[in-house]
Amino acid sequence: MIQIQDVSFKIGQCQILNHITTEIPAGKLTALIGPNGAGKSSLLKQIARLEKLQSGEISIDGLPVSETPTEKLALKMAVLGQQTVIASRLRLCELVSFGRWPHHHGRPCAKDREQVCLALETFGLTPLSGRFLDEVSGGQAQRAFLAMTFAQETDWLLLDEPLNNLDVAHSRALMQRLHALVKESGKSIVVVIHEVNYAAAWADHIIAMKDGAILATGTPHEVLNESILEQLYDVPVAIAEHDGRPLVLHHV
């Protein structure tokens, strides 16, 4: 479980997060949703220790994030941010292999190579493993970064807008894969996502944020109702149901 207690964050005089207190359950796919500027990515960065904690406390499975050595945290959680600029003359298999560094520290063994192969296969990249990053599409590169994160073999995956650059088919396939990872391997996944219907279809737990605060948390059925979503996005919506899950319809 990730426990977040009274976390605030500001840049200059701009309040980005305002007294956030919540829990993110283990063994679930949790989606952070909300409009642009809601603080979703900032909260994920606080959890991942990509930004220094200014106030409050965060712990992941009992480990205080601000105090735990980086080497230990890297075996507990893997993080994929929005900025993935890296040398273009890397082959996809080389990029994915970076995910194994917390385990081998420069001395890869057979297990490390097996995990890289598994990650490439999991994200449908085995046929492209020998290609350079600048020889594949943006969507294929995005999947390679996801595979690198998966290869880190951690209990927790923290993903900031992983559907960027993915078309509809690959977005659906990725959400389906993340859902399966939770159900089949017990991983805990936190994902920042803009498309609310992907959260509706695949998430177990949803945190809805607006103006640096949490508006609602709970299951898709508890959070994705007309009252909460109209407050969240300031647009009228209607809710239907598909395969036992909410389906959000936007009024034009």
Protein backbone atom coordinates (compact mmCIF):
# COMPACT_ATOMS: atom_id res chain seq x y z
CA MET A 1 0.00 0.00 0.00
CA ILE A 2 1.09 3.55 -0.73
CA GLN A 3 0.13 5.88 2.09
CA ILE A 4 0.05 9.62 1.43
CA GLN A 5 -0.42 11.90 4.41
CA ASP A 6 -0.97 15.67 4.19
CA VAL A 7 1.25 16.21 1.13
CA SER A 8 1.43 19.72 -0.29
CA PHE A 9 3.68 21.00 -3.07
CA LYS A 10 4.22 24.40 -4.61
CA ILE A 11 6.40 25.94 -7.30
CA GLY A 12 7.16 29.51 -6.32
CA GLN A 13 3.83 30.93 -5.19
CA CYS A 14 1.81 28.43 -7.24
CA GLN A 15 0.14 25.74 -5.14
CA ILE A 16 0.31 22.48 -7.14
CA LEU A 17 -0.83 19.99 -4.47
CA ASN A 18 -2.92 20.99 -1.49
CA HIS A 19 -2.95 18.75 1.60
CA ILE A 20 -3.30 15.41 -0.19
CA THR A 21 -4.18 12.47 2.05
CA THR A 22 -5.09 9.13 0.51
CA GLU A 23 -4.12 5.47 0.22
CA ILE A 24 -3.35 3.54 -2.94
CA PRO A 25 -4.13 -0.16 -2.51
CA ALA A 26 -1.62 -2.87 -3.34
CA GLY A 27 -2.47 -5.48 -5.94
CA LYS A 28 -4.71 -3.10 -7.88
CA LEU A 29 -4.61 -1.00 -11.03
CA THR A 30 -5.12 2.57 -9.82
CA ALA A 31 -5.90 5.37 -12.27
CA LEU A 32 -5.28 9.05 -11.52
CA ILE A 33 -7.77 11.06 -13.55
CA GLY A 34 -8.72 14.72 -13.82
CA PRO A 35 -8.36 17.77 -16.05
CA ASN A 36 -5.08 19.31 -17.13
CA GLY A 37 -3.35 21.00 -14.23
CA ALA A 38 -5.13 18.91 -11.62
CA GLY A 39 -1.85 17.76 -10.05
CA LYS A 40 -1.90 14.13 -11.22
CA SER A 41 1.64 14.00 -12.56
CA SER A 42 2.95 16.06 -9.64
CA LEU A 43 1.47 13.58 -7.17
CA LEU A 44 3.03 10.68 -9.07
CA LYS A 45 6.40 12.45 -9.01
CA GLN A 46 6.12 12.94 -5.25
CA ILE A 47 5.45 9.23 -4.79
CA ALA A 48 8.34 8.35 -7.09
CA ARG A 49 10.67 10.85 -5.38
CA LEU A 50 11.29 12.61 -8.68
CA GLU A 51 10.45 15.84 -6.86
CA LYS A 52 11.51 16.56 -3.31
CA LEU A 53 8.81 16.18 -0.70
CA GLN A 54 8.11 19.64 0.72
CA SER A 55 5.59 18.68 3.39
CA GLY A 56 3.74 15.61 4.57
CA GLU A 57 4.71 11.94 4.39
CA ILE A 58 4.62 9.19 1.77
CA SER A 59 5.40 5.52 2.34
CA ILE A 60 5.32 2.56 -0.02
CA ASP A 61 4.71 -0.82 1.61
CA GLY A 62 5.90 0.72 4.87
CA LEU A 63 9.08 2.29 3.44
CA PRO A 64 9.27 6.08 3.93
CA VAL A 65 9.93 7.39 0.42
CA SER A 66 11.94 10.40 1.58
CA GLU A 67 14.30 8.34 3.73
CA THR A 68 14.73 4.99 1.95
CA PRO A 69 17.97 4.59 -0.05
CA THR A 70 17.51 4.88 -3.81
CA GLU A 71 18.94 1.39 -4.37
CA LYS A 72 16.26 -0.10 -2.15
CA LEU A 73 13.43 1.93 -3.67
CA ALA A 74 14.51 0.87 -7.16
CA LEU A 75 13.80 -2.73 -6.19
CA LYS A 76 10.35 -1.75 -4.90
CA MET A 77 9.02 0.58 -7.61
CA ALA A 78 9.71 1.34 -11.26
CA VAL A 79 8.80 4.71 -12.74
CA LEU A 80 8.06 5.87 -16.26
CA GLY A 81 7.68 9.63 -16.63
CA GLN A 82 6.42 11.64 -19.60
CA GLN A 83 9.89 12.77 -20.64
CA THR A 84 11.67 9.86 -22.29
CA VAL A 85 14.41 11.61 -24.28
CA ILE A 86 17.40 9.30 -24.66
CA ALA A 87 20.16 8.54 -27.17
CA SER A 88 18.48 7.51 -30.42
CA ARG A 89 21.27 5.08 -31.38
CA LEU A 90 20.24 2.58 -28.76
CA ARG A 91 18.69 -0.68 -29.85
CA LEU A 92 15.37 -1.52 -28.24
CA CYS A 93 16.87 -4.53 -26.46
CA GLU A 94 19.60 -2.28 -25.02
CA LEU A 95 17.05 0.23 -23.77
CA VAL A 96 14.97 -2.47 -22.11
CA SER A 97 18.08 -3.94 -20.48
CA PHE A 98 18.55 -0.68 -18.53
CA GLY A 99 15.64 -1.81 -16.39
CA ARG A 100 17.81 -4.56 -14.92
CA TRP A 101 20.47 -2.20 -13.53
CA PRO A 102 19.10 -2.15 -9.94
CA HIS A 103 19.55 -5.93 -9.88
CA HIS A 104 22.96 -6.47 -11.50
CA HIS A 105 24.76 -3.09 -11.17
CA GLY A 106 26.65 -3.64 -14.41
CA ARG A 107 27.12 -7.40 -14.16
CA PRO A 108 24.15 -8.98 -15.98
CA CYS A 109 23.57 -12.70 -15.64
CA ALA A 110 21.32 -15.21 -17.37
CA LYS A 111 18.28 -14.17 -15.33
CA ASP A 112 18.72 -10.55 -16.38
CA ARG A 113 18.78 -11.57 -20.05
CA GLU A 114 15.70 -13.73 -19.52
CA GLN A 115 13.81 -10.82 -17.98
CA VAL A 116 14.71 -8.55 -20.89
CA CYS A 117 13.43 -11.16 -23.34
CA LEU A 118 10.25 -11.54 -21.30
CA ALA A 119 9.69 -7.78 -21.24
CA LEU A 120 10.18 -7.51 -25.01
CA GLU A 121 7.73 -10.35 -25.54
CA THR A 122 5.19 -8.97 -23.07
CA PHE A 123 4.96 -5.69 -24.99
CA GLY A 124 5.09 -7.23 -28.46
CA LEU A 125 8.57 -5.97 -29.28
CA THR A 126 10.56 -9.15 -29.86
CA PRO A 127 10.63 -8.72 -33.68
CA LEU A 128 11.90 -5.15 -33.21
CA SER A 129 14.47 -5.83 -30.49
CA GLY A 130 17.46 -5.21 -32.78
CA ARG A 131 16.21 -1.93 -34.19
CA PHE A 132 17.47 1.47 -33.09
CA LEU A 133 15.08 3.85 -31.34
CA ASP A 134 15.14 6.25 -34.29
CA GLU A 135 14.10 3.41 -36.59
CA VAL A 136 10.76 2.71 -34.89
CA SER A 137 7.54 4.68 -34.51
CA GLY A 138 6.74 6.84 -31.52
CA GLY A 139 4.27 4.25 -30.30
CA GLN A 140 6.81 1.44 -30.59
CA ALA A 141 9.37 3.52 -28.71
CA GLN A 142 6.80 4.20 -25.98
CA ARG A 143 6.20 0.47 -25.61
CA ALA A 144 9.96 -0.06 -25.34
CA PHE A 145 10.14 2.35 -22.41
CA LEU A 146 7.24 0.50 -20.81
CA ALA A 147 9.08 -2.76 -21.35
CA MET A 148 12.17 -1.27 -19.66
CA THR A 149 10.02 -0.38 -16.65
CA PHE A 150 8.52 -3.87 -16.57
CA ALA A 151 12.00 -5.46 -16.81
CA GLN A 152 12.91 -3.77 -13.52
CA GLU A 153 10.80 -6.50 -11.88
CA THR A 154 9.32 -4.45 -9.06
CA ASP A 155 6.13 -4.80 -7.03
CA TRP A 156 4.98 -1.34 -8.09
CA LEU A 157 4.83 0.32 -11.52
CA LEU A 158 4.23 4.09 -11.63
CA LEU A 159 3.33 5.24 -15.14
CA ASP A 160 2.75 8.86 -16.14
CA GLU A 161 0.49 9.01 -19.21
CA PRO A 162 1.77 5.77 -20.78
CA LEU A 163 -0.80 5.98 -23.59
CA ASN A 164 1.03 8.92 -25.17
CA ASN A 165 1.87 8.17 -28.81
CA LEU A 166 -0.21 4.99 -28.83
CA ASP A 167 -3.05 4.48 -31.29
CA VAL A 168 -6.43 3.14 -30.22
CA ALA A 169 -5.52 -0.52 -30.74
CA HIS A 170 -2.24 -0.30 -28.83
CA SER A 171 -3.80 1.84 -26.07
CA ARG A 172 -6.46 -0.79 -25.53
CA ALA A 173 -3.86 -3.57 -25.67
CA LEU A 174 -1.66 -1.80 -23.13
CA MET A 175 -4.48 -1.26 -20.65
CA GLN A 176 -5.50 -4.87 -21.10
CA ARG A 177 -1.89 -5.96 -20.46
CA LEU A 178 -1.59 -3.79 -17.32
CA HIS A 179 -4.88 -5.19 -16.03
CA ALA A 180 -3.60 -8.72 -16.68
CA LEU A 181 -0.30 -8.01 -14.89
CA VAL A 182 -2.25 -7.04 -11.80
CA LYS A 183 -4.54 -10.06 -11.93
CA GLU A 184 -1.93 -12.65 -12.94
CA SER A 185 1.21 -11.55 -11.13
CA GLY A 186 -0.13 -9.43 -8.28
CA LYS A 187 1.69 -6.28 -9.37
CA SER A 188 0.47 -2.90 -8.15
CA ILE A 189 0.16 -0.28 -10.89
CA VAL A 190 -0.53 3.45 -10.69
CA VAL A 191 -1.24 5.18 -13.98
CA VAL A 192 -1.95 8.80 -14.87
CA ILE A 193 -4.51 8.72 -17.64
CA HIS A 194 -6.57 11.28 -19.55
CA GLU A 195 -9.05 9.04 -21.34
CA VAL A 196 -11.61 8.41 -18.64
CA ASN A 197 -13.17 5.43 -20.40
CA TYR A 198 -9.89 3.52 -20.29
CA ALA A 199 -9.91 4.06 -16.55
CA ALA A 200 -13.55 2.97 -16.46
CA ALA A 201 -12.83 -0.21 -18.40
CA TRP A 202 -9.64 -1.40 -16.73
CA ALA A 203 -8.94 0.29 -13.38
CA ASP A 204 -9.76 -1.27 -10.02
CA HIS A 205 -9.35 1.97 -8.07
CA ILE A 206 -9.69 5.57 -9.22
CA ILE A 207 -8.41 8.81 -7.72
CA ALA A 208 -10.09 11.87 -9.23
CA MET A 209 -8.12 15.12 -8.84
CA LYS A 210 -8.91 18.75 -9.49
CA ASP A 211 -7.06 21.96 -8.59
CA GLY A 212 -4.38 20.10 -6.63
CA ALA A 213 -6.83 18.26 -4.41
CA ILE A 214 -8.64 14.94 -4.38
CA LEU A 215 -12.28 15.19 -5.39
CA ALA A 216 -13.17 11.50 -5.06
CA THR A 217 -11.66 8.03 -4.66
CA GLY A 218 -13.08 4.56 -5.01
CA THR A 219 -14.08 1.93 -7.54
CA PRO A 220 -15.08 2.96 -11.09
CA HIS A 221 -18.75 2.72 -10.14
CA GLU A 222 -18.20 4.87 -7.05
CA VAL A 223 -16.25 7.62 -8.81
CA LEU A 224 -17.50 7.64 -12.39
CA ASN A 225 -20.97 9.02 -11.87
CA GLU A 226 -22.55 12.10 -13.40
CA SER A 227 -22.31 14.26 -10.28
CA ILE A 228 -18.59 13.71 -9.69
CA LEU A 229 -17.55 13.86 -13.34
CA GLU A 230 -19.44 17.06 -14.03
CA GLN A 231 -17.68 18.66 -11.05
CA LEU A 232 -14.36 17.22 -12.21
CA TYR A 233 -14.43 18.30 -15.86
CA ASP A 234 -17.00 21.13 -15.83
CA VAL A 235 -18.92 19.55 -18.71
CA PRO A 236 -22.23 17.65 -18.72
CA VAL A 237 -21.91 13.88 -19.06
CA ALA A 238 -24.14 10.84 -19.08
CA ILE A 239 -23.21 7.41 -17.76
CA ALA A 240 -24.10 4.15 -19.47
CA GLU A 241 -22.77 0.67 -18.78
CA HIS A 242 -20.79 -1.76 -20.90
CA ASP A 243 -19.68 -5.23 -19.77
CA GLY A 244 -20.51 -4.33 -16.19
CA ARG A 245 -18.35 -1.20 -16.25
CA PRO A 246 -19.29 2.49 -16.45
CA LEU A 247 -19.21 4.08 -19.90
CA VAL A 248 -18.88 7.87 -19.92
CA LEU A 249 -20.77 9.71 -22.66
CA HIS A 250 -19.91 13.35 -23.26
CA HIS A 251 -22.71 15.70 -24.26
CA VAL A 252 -21.89 17.89 -27.25
